[in-house]
Amino acid sequence: MKDIQKKVKLFCENNKLNSPIEHRVLDTMSELGEVAKEILKMSDYGDRPIQYNDNLKMELGDLLYSIITIANVFDIDLDEALNEVLKKYEQRMHKGSPSSDNN
């Protein structure tokens, strides 16, 4: 993940993509909405079983890029963040459920 974060950071620097963090967060929310929209479209808004469409891959890529830009602003190592989250969920599973109500 460190290589991916570095790649995104260099891309942003080389293309002068220096949006304020607030814009990056709003962009991330917008991209998440695009992911949801693609999933809805793949099921014809729930009228049929989901059929994969390559547009989902692009939207997930956009979302990942947006998340990485936020992490990079704060120098968050996403490998470390993911490992911490997996530990948290593992502890919850030992208590019986992955729910946040199970802290």
PDB file of N, CA and C in Angstrom:
ATOM      1  N   MET A   1       0.833  -1.192   0.000  1.00  0.00           N
ATOM      2  CA  MET A   1       0.000   0.000   0.000  1.00  0.00           C
ATOM      3  C   MET A   1       0.879   1.258   0.000  1.00  0.00           C
ATOM      4  N   LYS A   2       2.052   1.168   0.630  1.00  0.00           N
ATOM      5  CA  LYS A   2       2.936   2.329   0.666  1.00  0.00           C
ATOM      6  C   LYS A   2       3.322   2.770  -0.734  1.00  0.00           C
ATOM      7  N   ASP A   3       3.555   1.798  -1.614  1.00  0.00           N
ATOM      8  CA  ASP A   3       3.899   2.143  -2.997  1.00  0.00           C
ATOM      9  C   ASP A   3       2.733   2.839  -3.696  1.00  0.00           C
ATOM     10  N   ILE A   4       1.533   2.375  -3.419  1.00  0.00           N
ATOM     11  CA  ILE A   4       0.348   2.986  -4.022  1.00  0.00           C
ATOM     12  C   ILE A   4       0.171   4.409  -3.500  1.00  0.00           C
ATOM     13  N   GLN A   5       0.352   4.584  -2.200  1.00  0.00           N
ATOM     14  CA  GLN A   5       0.224   5.929  -1.627  1.00  0.00           C
ATOM     15  C   GLN A   5       1.274   6.865  -2.230  1.00  0.00           C
ATOM     16  N   LYS A   6       2.476   6.375  -2.394  1.00  0.00           N
ATOM     17  CA  LYS A   6       3.544   7.185  -2.976  1.00  0.00           C
ATOM     18  C   LYS A   6       3.207   7.539  -4.436  1.00  0.00           C
ATOM     19  N   LYS A   7       2.685   6.575  -5.163  1.00  0.00           N
ATOM     20  CA  LYS A   7       2.300   6.785  -6.564  1.00  0.00           C
ATOM     21  C   LYS A   7       1.238   7.882  -6.681  1.00  0.00           C
ATOM     22  N   VAL A   8       0.236   7.839  -5.811  1.00  0.00           N
ATOM     23  CA  VAL A   8      -0.832   8.847  -5.820  1.00  0.00           C
ATOM     24  C   VAL A   8      -0.266  10.210  -5.422  1.00  0.00           C
ATOM     25  N   LYS A   9       0.604  10.228  -4.423  1.00  0.00           N
ATOM     26  CA  LYS A   9       1.207  11.483  -3.983  1.00  0.00           C
ATOM     27  C   LYS A   9       1.993  12.133  -5.115  1.00  0.00           C
ATOM     28  N   LEU A  10       2.804  11.357  -5.813  1.00  0.00           N
ATOM     29  CA  LEU A  10       3.577  11.890  -6.937  1.00  0.00           C
ATOM     30  C   LEU A  10       2.666  12.371  -8.063  1.00  0.00           C
ATOM     31  N   PHE A  11       1.609  11.617  -8.321  1.00  0.00           N
ATOM     32  CA  PHE A  11       0.653  12.023  -9.349  1.00  0.00           C
ATOM     33  C   PHE A  11       0.050  13.376  -9.010  1.00  0.00           C
ATOM     34  N   CYS A  12      -0.370  13.529  -7.769  1.00  0.00           N
ATOM     35  CA  CYS A  12      -0.969  14.800  -7.336  1.00  0.00           C
ATOM     36  C   CYS A  12       0.046  15.940  -7.424  1.00  0.00           C
ATOM     37  N   GLU A  13       1.258  15.683  -6.984  1.00  0.00           N
ATOM     38  CA  GLU A  13       2.294  16.720  -7.049  1.00  0.00           C
ATOM     39  C   GLU A  13       2.612  17.101  -8.491  1.00  0.00           C
ATOM     40  N   ASN A  14       2.781  16.114  -9.347  1.00  0.00           N
ATOM     41  CA  ASN A  14       3.135  16.366 -10.749  1.00  0.00           C
ATOM     42  C   ASN A  14       2.035  17.088 -11.515  1.00  0.00           C
ATOM     43  N   ASN A  15       0.804  16.921 -11.076  1.00  0.00           N
ATOM     44  CA  ASN A  15      -0.332  17.535 -11.774  1.00  0.00           C
ATOM     45  C   ASN A  15      -0.942  18.699 -10.995  1.00  0.00           C
ATOM     46  N   LYS A  16      -0.215  19.140  -9.971  1.00  0.00           N
ATOM     47  CA  LYS A  16      -0.636  20.289  -9.158  1.00  0.00           C
ATOM     48  C   LYS A  16      -2.071  20.137  -8.642  1.00  0.00           C
ATOM     49  N   LEU A  17      -2.361  18.952  -8.143  1.00  0.00           N
ATOM     50  CA  LEU A  17      -3.679  18.662  -7.572  1.00  0.00           C
ATOM     51  C   LEU A  17      -3.584  18.867  -6.062  1.00  0.00           C
ATOM     52  N   ASN A  18      -3.705  20.108  -5.651  1.00  0.00           N
ATOM     53  CA  ASN A  18      -3.518  20.490  -4.254  1.00  0.00           C
ATOM     54  C   ASN A  18      -4.818  20.959  -3.623  1.00  0.00           C
ATOM     55  N   SER A  19      -5.873  20.222  -3.820  1.00  0.00           N
ATOM     56  CA  SER A  19      -7.171  20.613  -3.259  1.00  0.00           C
ATOM     57  C   SER A  19      -7.120  20.635  -1.741  1.00  0.00           C
ATOM     58  N   PRO A  20      -7.867  21.558  -1.126  1.00  0.00           N
ATOM     59  CA  PRO A  20      -7.969  21.544   0.335  1.00  0.00           C
ATOM     60  C   PRO A  20      -8.599  20.227   0.806  1.00  0.00           C
ATOM     61  N   ILE A  21      -8.279  19.845   2.018  1.00  0.00           N
ATOM     62  CA  ILE A  21      -8.773  18.582   2.557  1.00  0.00           C
ATOM     63  C   ILE A  21     -10.295  18.508   2.530  1.00  0.00           C
ATOM     64  N   GLU A  22     -10.957  19.627   2.779  1.00  0.00           N
ATOM     65  CA  GLU A  22     -12.429  19.628   2.757  1.00  0.00           C
ATOM     66  C   GLU A  22     -12.957  19.209   1.382  1.00  0.00           C
ATOM     67  N   HIS A  23     -12.287  19.653   0.328  1.00  0.00           N
ATOM     68  CA  HIS A  23     -12.701  19.269  -1.022  1.00  0.00           C
ATOM     69  C   HIS A  23     -12.443  17.796  -1.274  1.00  0.00           C
ATOM     70  N   ARG A  24     -11.333  17.313  -0.741  1.00  0.00           N
ATOM     71  CA  ARG A  24     -11.004  15.893  -0.916  1.00  0.00           C
ATOM     72  C   ARG A  24     -12.048  15.001  -0.225  1.00  0.00           C
ATOM     73  N   VAL A  25     -12.486  15.425   0.953  1.00  0.00           N
ATOM     74  CA  VAL A  25     -13.491  14.645   1.675  1.00  0.00           C
ATOM     75  C   VAL A  25     -14.821  14.665   0.916  1.00  0.00           C
ATOM     76  N   LEU A  26     -15.217  15.828   0.430  1.00  0.00           N
ATOM     77  CA  LEU A  26     -16.453  15.910  -0.357  1.00  0.00           C
ATOM     78  C   LEU A  26     -16.353  15.075  -1.626  1.00  0.00           C
ATOM     79  N   ASP A  27     -15.185  15.088  -2.263  1.00  0.00           N
ATOM     80  CA  ASP A  27     -14.982  14.278  -3.459  1.00  0.00           C
ATOM     81  C   ASP A  27     -15.114  12.794  -3.125  1.00  0.00           C
ATOM     82  N   THR A  28     -14.586  12.395  -1.978  1.00  0.00           N
ATOM     83  CA  THR A  28     -14.677  10.996  -1.562  1.00  0.00           C
ATOM     84  C   THR A  28     -16.132  10.580  -1.367  1.00  0.00           C
ATOM     85  N   MET A  29     -16.907  11.443  -0.747  1.00  0.00           N
ATOM     86  CA  MET A  29     -18.329  11.142  -0.550  1.00  0.00           C
ATOM     87  C   MET A  29     -19.052  11.040  -1.890  1.00  0.00           C
ATOM     88  N   SER A  30     -18.703  11.910  -2.806  1.00  0.00           N
ATOM     89  CA  SER A  30     -19.292  11.865  -4.140  1.00  0.00           C
ATOM     90  C   SER A  30     -18.947  10.555  -4.848  1.00  0.00           C
ATOM     91  N   GLU A  31     -17.688  10.139  -4.722  1.00  0.00           N
ATOM     92  CA  GLU A  31     -17.263   8.889  -5.366  1.00  0.00           C
ATOM     93  C   GLU A  31     -17.963   7.691  -4.745  1.00  0.00           C
ATOM     94  N   LEU A  32     -18.179   7.708  -3.424  1.00  0.00           N
ATOM     95  CA  LEU A  32     -18.917   6.629  -2.782  1.00  0.00           C
ATOM     96  C   LEU A  32     -20.342   6.566  -3.332  1.00  0.00           C
ATOM     97  N   GLY A  33     -20.924   7.725  -3.557  1.00  0.00           N
ATOM     98  CA  GLY A  33     -22.254   7.775  -4.168  1.00  0.00           C
ATOM     99  C   GLY A  33     -22.260   7.162  -5.562  1.00  0.00           C
ATOM    100  N   GLU A  34     -21.183   7.396  -6.314  1.00  0.00           N
ATOM    101  CA  GLU A  34     -21.081   6.815  -7.660  1.00  0.00           C
ATOM    102  C   GLU A  34     -20.979   5.286  -7.589  1.00  0.00           C
ATOM    103  N   VAL A  35     -20.278   4.770  -6.582  1.00  0.00           N
ATOM    104  CA  VAL A  35     -20.202   3.317  -6.388  1.00  0.00           C
ATOM    105  C   VAL A  35     -21.599   2.773  -6.116  1.00  0.00           C
ATOM    106  N   ALA A  36     -22.321   3.427  -5.211  1.00  0.00           N
ATOM    107  CA  ALA A  36     -23.682   2.989  -4.880  1.00  0.00           C
ATOM    108  C   ALA A  36     -24.582   3.022  -6.112  1.00  0.00           C
ATOM    109  N   LYS A  37     -24.453   4.081  -6.897  1.00  0.00           N
ATOM    110  CA  LYS A  37     -25.281   4.220  -8.099  1.00  0.00           C
ATOM    111  C   LYS A  37     -24.994   3.087  -9.085  1.00  0.00           C
ATOM    112  N   GLU A  38     -23.722   2.742  -9.274  1.00  0.00           N
ATOM    113  CA  GLU A  38     -23.384   1.652 -10.196  1.00  0.00           C
ATOM    114  C   GLU A  38     -23.957   0.332  -9.724  1.00  0.00           C
ATOM    115  N   ILE A  39     -23.911   0.087  -8.407  1.00  0.00           N
ATOM    116  CA  ILE A  39     -24.470  -1.155  -7.874  1.00  0.00           C
ATOM    117  C   ILE A  39     -25.988  -1.181  -8.068  1.00  0.00           C
ATOM    118  N   LEU A  40     -26.626  -0.050  -7.846  1.00  0.00           N
ATOM    119  CA  LEU A  40     -28.069   0.026  -8.097  1.00  0.00           C
ATOM    120  C   LEU A  40     -28.389  -0.227  -9.566  1.00  0.00           C
ATOM    121  N   LYS A  41     -27.610   0.357 -10.455  1.00  0.00           N
ATOM    122  CA  LYS A  41     -27.840   0.166 -11.891  1.00  0.00           C
ATOM    123  C   LYS A  41     -27.600  -1.287 -12.300  1.00  0.00           C
ATOM    124  N   MET A  42     -26.626  -1.941 -11.650  1.00  0.00           N
ATOM    125  CA  MET A  42     -26.332  -3.338 -12.000  1.00  0.00           C
ATOM    126  C   MET A  42     -27.492  -4.258 -11.649  1.00  0.00           C
ATOM    127  N   SER A  43     -28.355  -3.829 -10.743  1.00  0.00           N
ATOM    128  CA  SER A  43     -29.530  -4.636 -10.379  1.00  0.00           C
ATOM    129  C   SER A  43     -30.812  -4.010 -10.916  1.00  0.00           C
ATOM    130  N   ASP A  44     -30.665  -3.047 -11.811  1.00  0.00           N
ATOM    131  CA  ASP A  44     -31.813  -2.299 -12.325  1.00  0.00           C
ATOM    132  C   ASP A  44     -32.650  -1.794 -11.145  1.00  0.00           C
ATOM    133  N   TYR A  45     -31.936  -1.202 -10.191  1.00  0.00           N
ATOM    134  CA  TYR A  45     -32.536  -0.630  -8.979  1.00  0.00           C
ATOM    135  C   TYR A  45     -33.356  -1.655  -8.197  1.00  0.00           C
ATOM    136  N   GLY A  46     -32.794  -2.867  -8.107  1.00  0.00           N
ATOM    137  CA  GLY A  46     -33.404  -3.924  -7.293  1.00  0.00           C
ATOM    138  C   GLY A  46     -34.421  -4.775  -8.013  1.00  0.00           C
ATOM    139  N   ASP A  47     -34.630  -4.540  -9.311  1.00  0.00           N
ATOM    140  CA  ASP A  47     -35.642  -5.298 -10.043  1.00  0.00           C
ATOM    141  C   ASP A  47     -35.116  -6.617 -10.612  1.00  0.00           C
ATOM    142  N   ARG A  48     -33.809  -6.841 -10.558  1.00  0.00           N
ATOM    143  CA  ARG A  48     -33.245  -8.089 -11.059  1.00  0.00           C
ATOM    144  C   ARG A  48     -31.961  -8.394 -10.284  1.00  0.00           C
ATOM    145  N   PRO A  49     -31.505  -9.642 -10.359  1.00  0.00           N
ATOM    146  CA  PRO A  49     -30.242  -9.975  -9.691  1.00  0.00           C
ATOM    147  C   PRO A  49     -29.094  -9.125 -10.254  1.00  0.00           C
ATOM    148  N   ILE A  50     -28.149  -8.803  -9.409  1.00  0.00           N
ATOM    149  CA  ILE A  50     -27.027  -7.963  -9.827  1.00  0.00           C
ATOM    150  C   ILE A  50     -26.194  -8.667 -10.889  1.00  0.00           C
ATOM    151  N   GLN A  51     -25.889  -7.922 -11.943  1.00  0.00           N
ATOM    152  CA  GLN A  51     -24.982  -8.395 -12.980  1.00  0.00           C
ATOM    153  C   GLN A  51     -23.820  -7.412 -13.039  1.00  0.00           C
ATOM    154  N   TYR A  52     -22.605  -7.935 -12.864  1.00  0.00           N
ATOM    155  CA  TYR A  52     -21.409  -7.100 -12.823  1.00  0.00           C
ATOM    156  C   TYR A  52     -21.271  -6.262 -14.086  1.00  0.00           C
ATOM    157  N   ASN A  53     -20.837  -5.025 -13.883  1.00  0.00           N
ATOM    158  CA  ASN A  53     -20.569  -4.095 -14.974  1.00  0.00           C
ATOM    159  C   ASN A  53     -19.197  -3.485 -14.704  1.00  0.00           C
ATOM    160  N   ASP A  54     -18.353  -3.373 -15.718  1.00  0.00           N
ATOM    161  CA  ASP A  54     -16.997  -2.829 -15.562  1.00  0.00           C
ATOM    162  C   ASP A  54     -16.980  -1.402 -15.018  1.00  0.00           C
ATOM    163  N   ASN A  55     -18.087  -0.683 -15.097  1.00  0.00           N
ATOM    164  CA  ASN A  55     -18.121   0.676 -14.554  1.00  0.00           C
ATOM    165  C   ASN A  55     -17.851   0.670 -13.048  1.00  0.00           C
ATOM    166  N   LEU A  56     -18.238  -0.405 -12.370  1.00  0.00           N
ATOM    167  CA  LEU A  56     -18.009  -0.500 -10.925  1.00  0.00           C
ATOM    168  C   LEU A  56     -16.516  -0.450 -10.622  1.00  0.00           C
ATOM    169  N   LYS A  57     -15.713  -1.125 -11.428  1.00  0.00           N
ATOM    170  CA  LYS A  57     -14.269  -1.132 -11.221  1.00  0.00           C
ATOM    171  C   LYS A  57     -13.703   0.280 -11.280  1.00  0.00           C
ATOM    172  N   MET A  58     -14.140   1.063 -12.240  1.00  0.00           N
ATOM    173  CA  MET A  58     -13.662   2.445 -12.366  1.00  0.00           C
ATOM    174  C   MET A  58     -14.120   3.294 -11.186  1.00  0.00           C
ATOM    175  N   GLU A  59     -15.344   3.109 -10.762  1.00  0.00           N
ATOM    176  CA  GLU A  59     -15.854   3.898  -9.633  1.00  0.00           C
ATOM    177  C   GLU A  59     -15.136   3.525  -8.340  1.00  0.00           C
ATOM    178  N   LEU A  60     -14.848   2.242  -8.153  1.00  0.00           N
ATOM    179  CA  LEU A  60     -14.077   1.836  -6.978  1.00  0.00           C
ATOM    180  C   LEU A  60     -12.661   2.403  -7.035  1.00  0.00           C
ATOM    181  N   GLY A  61     -12.091   2.463  -8.228  1.00  0.00           N
ATOM    182  CA  GLY A  61     -10.782   3.085  -8.397  1.00  0.00           C
ATOM    183  C   GLY A  61     -10.808   4.559  -8.036  1.00  0.00           C
ATOM    184  N   ASP A  62     -11.851   5.260  -8.471  1.00  0.00           N
ATOM    185  CA  ASP A  62     -12.002   6.677  -8.116  1.00  0.00           C
ATOM    186  C   ASP A  62     -12.113   6.850  -6.605  1.00  0.00           C
ATOM    187  N   LEU A  63     -12.898   5.975  -5.971  1.00  0.00           N
ATOM    188  CA  LEU A  63     -13.081   6.048  -4.524  1.00  0.00           C
ATOM    189  C   LEU A  63     -11.765   5.778  -3.794  1.00  0.00           C
ATOM    190  N   LEU A  64     -11.038   4.766  -4.231  1.00  0.00           N
ATOM    191  CA  LEU A  64      -9.760   4.446  -3.611  1.00  0.00           C
ATOM    192  C   LEU A  64      -8.777   5.605  -3.748  1.00  0.00           C
ATOM    193  N   TYR A  65      -8.708   6.187  -4.934  1.00  0.00           N
ATOM    194  CA  TYR A  65      -7.845   7.345  -5.162  1.00  0.00           C
ATOM    195  C   TYR A  65      -8.196   8.466  -4.179  1.00  0.00           C
ATOM    196  N   SER A  66      -9.468   8.741  -4.032  1.00  0.00           N
ATOM    197  CA  SER A  66      -9.909   9.814  -3.138  1.00  0.00           C
ATOM    198  C   SER A  66      -9.537   9.528  -1.691  1.00  0.00           C
ATOM    199  N   ILE A  67      -9.718   8.297  -1.262  1.00  0.00           N
ATOM    200  CA  ILE A  67      -9.366   7.917   0.110  1.00  0.00           C
ATOM    201  C   ILE A  67      -7.860   8.055   0.323  1.00  0.00           C
ATOM    202  N   ILE A  68      -7.090   7.622  -0.655  1.00  0.00           N
ATOM    203  CA  ILE A  68      -5.635   7.718  -0.536  1.00  0.00           C
ATOM    204  C   ILE A  68      -5.192   9.170  -0.445  1.00  0.00           C
ATOM    205  N   THR A  69      -5.826  10.065  -1.199  1.00  0.00           N
ATOM    206  CA  THR A  69      -5.424  11.476  -1.121  1.00  0.00           C
ATOM    207  C   THR A  69      -5.669  12.035   0.277  1.00  0.00           C
ATOM    208  N   ILE A  70      -6.741  11.605   0.929  1.00  0.00           N
ATOM    209  CA  ILE A  70      -7.007  12.055   2.301  1.00  0.00           C
ATOM    210  C   ILE A  70      -5.929  11.508   3.241  1.00  0.00           C
ATOM    211  N   ALA A  71      -5.642  10.231   3.130  1.00  0.00           N
ATOM    212  CA  ALA A  71      -4.610   9.629   3.981  1.00  0.00           C
ATOM    213  C   ALA A  71      -3.270  10.332   3.780  1.00  0.00           C
ATOM    214  N   ASN A  72      -2.955  10.669   2.545  1.00  0.00           N
ATOM    215  CA  ASN A  72      -1.674  11.320   2.258  1.00  0.00           C
ATOM    216  C   ASN A  72      -1.579  12.711   2.872  1.00  0.00           C
ATOM    217  N   VAL A  73      -2.685  13.434   2.897  1.00  0.00           N
ATOM    218  CA  VAL A  73      -2.671  14.770   3.503  1.00  0.00           C
ATOM    219  C   VAL A  73      -2.232  14.682   4.960  1.00  0.00           C
ATOM    220  N   PHE A  74      -2.682  13.644   5.658  1.00  0.00           N
ATOM    221  CA  PHE A  74      -2.394  13.492   7.081  1.00  0.00           C
ATOM    222  C   PHE A  74      -1.235  12.525   7.355  1.00  0.00           C
ATOM    223  N   ASP A  75      -0.538  12.097   6.306  1.00  0.00           N
ATOM    224  CA  ASP A  75       0.570  11.140   6.442  1.00  0.00           C
ATOM    225  C   ASP A  75       0.146   9.887   7.195  1.00  0.00           C
ATOM    226  N   ILE A  76      -1.025   9.387   6.875  1.00  0.00           N
ATOM    227  CA  ILE A  76      -1.531   8.154   7.480  1.00  0.00           C
ATOM    228  C   ILE A  76      -1.054   6.981   6.633  1.00  0.00           C
ATOM    229  N   ASP A  77      -0.392   6.051   7.257  1.00  0.00           N
ATOM    230  CA  ASP A  77       0.040   4.831   6.594  1.00  0.00           C
ATOM    231  C   ASP A  77      -1.175   3.903   6.522  1.00  0.00           C
ATOM    232  N   LEU A  78      -1.699   3.696   5.327  1.00  0.00           N
ATOM    233  CA  LEU A  78      -2.919   2.894   5.191  1.00  0.00           C
ATOM    234  C   LEU A  78      -2.697   1.425   5.509  1.00  0.00           C
ATOM    235  N   ASP A  79      -1.468   0.928   5.350  1.00  0.00           N
ATOM    236  CA  ASP A  79      -1.175  -0.442   5.794  1.00  0.00           C
ATOM    237  C   ASP A  79      -1.409  -0.557   7.299  1.00  0.00           C
ATOM    238  N   GLU A  80      -0.859   0.392   8.046  1.00  0.00           N
ATOM    239  CA  GLU A  80      -1.035   0.393   9.496  1.00  0.00           C
ATOM    240  C   GLU A  80      -2.506   0.554   9.866  1.00  0.00           C
ATOM    241  N   ALA A  81      -3.186   1.470   9.199  1.00  0.00           N
ATOM    242  CA  ALA A  81      -4.600   1.712   9.495  1.00  0.00           C
ATOM    243  C   ALA A  81      -5.424   0.454   9.265  1.00  0.00           C
ATOM    244  N   LEU A  82      -5.180  -0.229   8.149  1.00  0.00           N
ATOM    245  CA  LEU A  82      -5.927  -1.447   7.848  1.00  0.00           C
ATOM    246  C   LEU A  82      -5.631  -2.542   8.861  1.00  0.00           C
ATOM    247  N   ASN A  83      -4.364  -2.697   9.226  1.00  0.00           N
ATOM    248  CA  ASN A  83      -4.015  -3.716  10.218  1.00  0.00           C
ATOM    249  C   ASN A  83      -4.693  -3.449  11.556  1.00  0.00           C
ATOM    250  N   GLU A  84      -4.764  -2.188  11.964  1.00  0.00           N
ATOM    251  CA  GLU A  84      -5.434  -1.839  13.216  1.00  0.00           C
ATOM    252  C   GLU A  84      -6.929  -2.153  13.141  1.00  0.00           C
ATOM    253  N   VAL A  85      -7.536  -1.871  12.009  1.00  0.00           N
ATOM    254  CA  VAL A  85      -8.965  -2.145  11.840  1.00  0.00           C
ATOM    255  C   VAL A  85      -9.226  -3.656  11.852  1.00  0.00           C
ATOM    256  N   LEU A  86      -8.362  -4.406  11.195  1.00  0.00           N
ATOM    257  CA  LEU A  86      -8.545  -5.861  11.198  1.00  0.00           C
ATOM    258  C   LEU A  86      -8.427  -6.431  12.609  1.00  0.00           C
ATOM    259  N   LYS A  87      -7.502  -5.904  13.401  1.00  0.00           N
ATOM    260  CA  LYS A  87      -7.390  -6.334  14.807  1.00  0.00           C
ATOM    261  C   LYS A  87      -8.672  -6.008  15.566  1.00  0.00           C
ATOM    262  N   LYS A  88      -9.201  -4.805  15.327  1.00  0.00           N
ATOM    263  CA  LYS A  88     -10.436  -4.387  16.002  1.00  0.00           C
ATOM    264  C   LYS A  88     -11.573  -5.344  15.662  1.00  0.00           C
ATOM    265  N   TYR A  89     -11.717  -5.687  14.379  1.00  0.00           N
ATOM    266  CA  TYR A  89     -12.796  -6.589  13.982  1.00  0.00           C
ATOM    267  C   TYR A  89     -12.568  -8.000  14.516  1.00  0.00           C
ATOM    268  N   GLU A  90     -11.316  -8.410  14.581  1.00  0.00           N
ATOM    269  CA  GLU A  90     -11.017  -9.731  15.126  1.00  0.00           C
ATOM    270  C   GLU A  90     -11.431  -9.799  16.598  1.00  0.00           C
ATOM    271  N   GLN A  91     -11.133  -8.750  17.354  1.00  0.00           N
ATOM    272  CA  GLN A  91     -11.546  -8.710  18.759  1.00  0.00           C
ATOM    273  C   GLN A  91     -13.057  -8.741  18.881  1.00  0.00           C
ATOM    274  N   ARG A  92     -13.740  -8.026  18.011  1.00  0.00           N
ATOM    275  CA  ARG A  92     -15.207  -8.038  18.041  1.00  0.00           C
ATOM    276  C   ARG A  92     -15.749  -9.420  17.713  1.00  0.00           C
ATOM    277  N   MET A  93     -15.123 -10.098  16.754  1.00  0.00           N
ATOM    278  CA  MET A  93     -15.593 -11.429  16.373  1.00  0.00           C
ATOM    279  C   MET A  93     -15.430 -12.405  17.531  1.00  0.00           C
ATOM    280  N   HIS A  94     -14.362 -12.255  18.306  1.00  0.00           N
ATOM    281  CA  HIS A  94     -14.179 -13.116  19.477  1.00  0.00           C
ATOM    282  C   HIS A  94     -15.284 -12.885  20.502  1.00  0.00           C
ATOM    283  N   LYS A  95     -15.879 -11.681  20.456  1.00  0.00           N
ATOM    284  CA  LYS A  95     -16.992 -11.359  21.373  1.00  0.00           C
ATOM    285  C   LYS A  95     -18.326 -11.783  20.757  1.00  0.00           C
ATOM    286  N   GLY A  96     -18.308 -12.213  19.485  1.00  0.00           N
ATOM    287  CA  GLY A  96     -19.522 -12.747  18.882  1.00  0.00           C
ATOM    288  C   GLY A  96     -20.065 -12.029  17.672  1.00  0.00           C
ATOM    289  N   SER A  97     -19.575 -10.802  17.364  1.00  0.00           N
ATOM    290  CA  SER A  97     -20.148 -10.069  16.248  1.00  0.00           C
ATOM    291  C   SER A  97     -19.181  -8.965  15.795  1.00  0.00           C
ATOM    292  N   PRO A  98     -19.164  -8.642  14.484  1.00  0.00           N
ATOM    293  CA  PRO A  98     -18.314  -7.555  14.013  1.00  0.00           C
ATOM    294  C   PRO A  98     -18.928  -6.171  14.270  1.00  0.00           C
ATOM    295  N   SER A  99     -20.110  -6.122  14.857  1.00  0.00           N
ATOM    296  CA  SER A  99     -20.826  -4.873  15.078  1.00  0.00           C
ATOM    297  C   SER A  99     -20.062  -3.940  16.016  1.00  0.00           C
ATOM    298  N   SER A 100     -20.193  -2.628  15.767  1.00  0.00           N
ATOM    299  CA  SER A 100     -19.568  -1.656  16.667  1.00  0.00           C
ATOM    300  C   SER A 100     -20.247  -1.639  18.025  1.00  0.00           C
ATOM    301  N   ASP A 101     -21.429  -2.221  18.124  1.00  0.00           N
ATOM    302  CA  ASP A 101     -22.120  -2.318  19.422  1.00  0.00           C
ATOM    303  C   ASP A 101     -21.424  -3.331  20.319  1.00  0.00           C
ATOM    304  N   ASN A 102     -20.487  -4.059  19.763  1.00  0.00           N
ATOM    305  CA  ASN A 102     -19.826  -5.145  20.475  1.00  0.00           C
ATOM    306  C   ASN A 102     -18.413  -4.732  20.898  1.00  0.00           C
ATOM    307  N   ASN A 103     -18.236  -3.532  21.404  1.00  0.00           N
ATOM    308  CA  ASN A 103     -16.915  -3.057  21.852  1.00  0.00           C
ATOM    309  C   ASN A 103     -16.585  -3.551  23.228  1.00  0.00           C
TER     310      ASN A 103
END
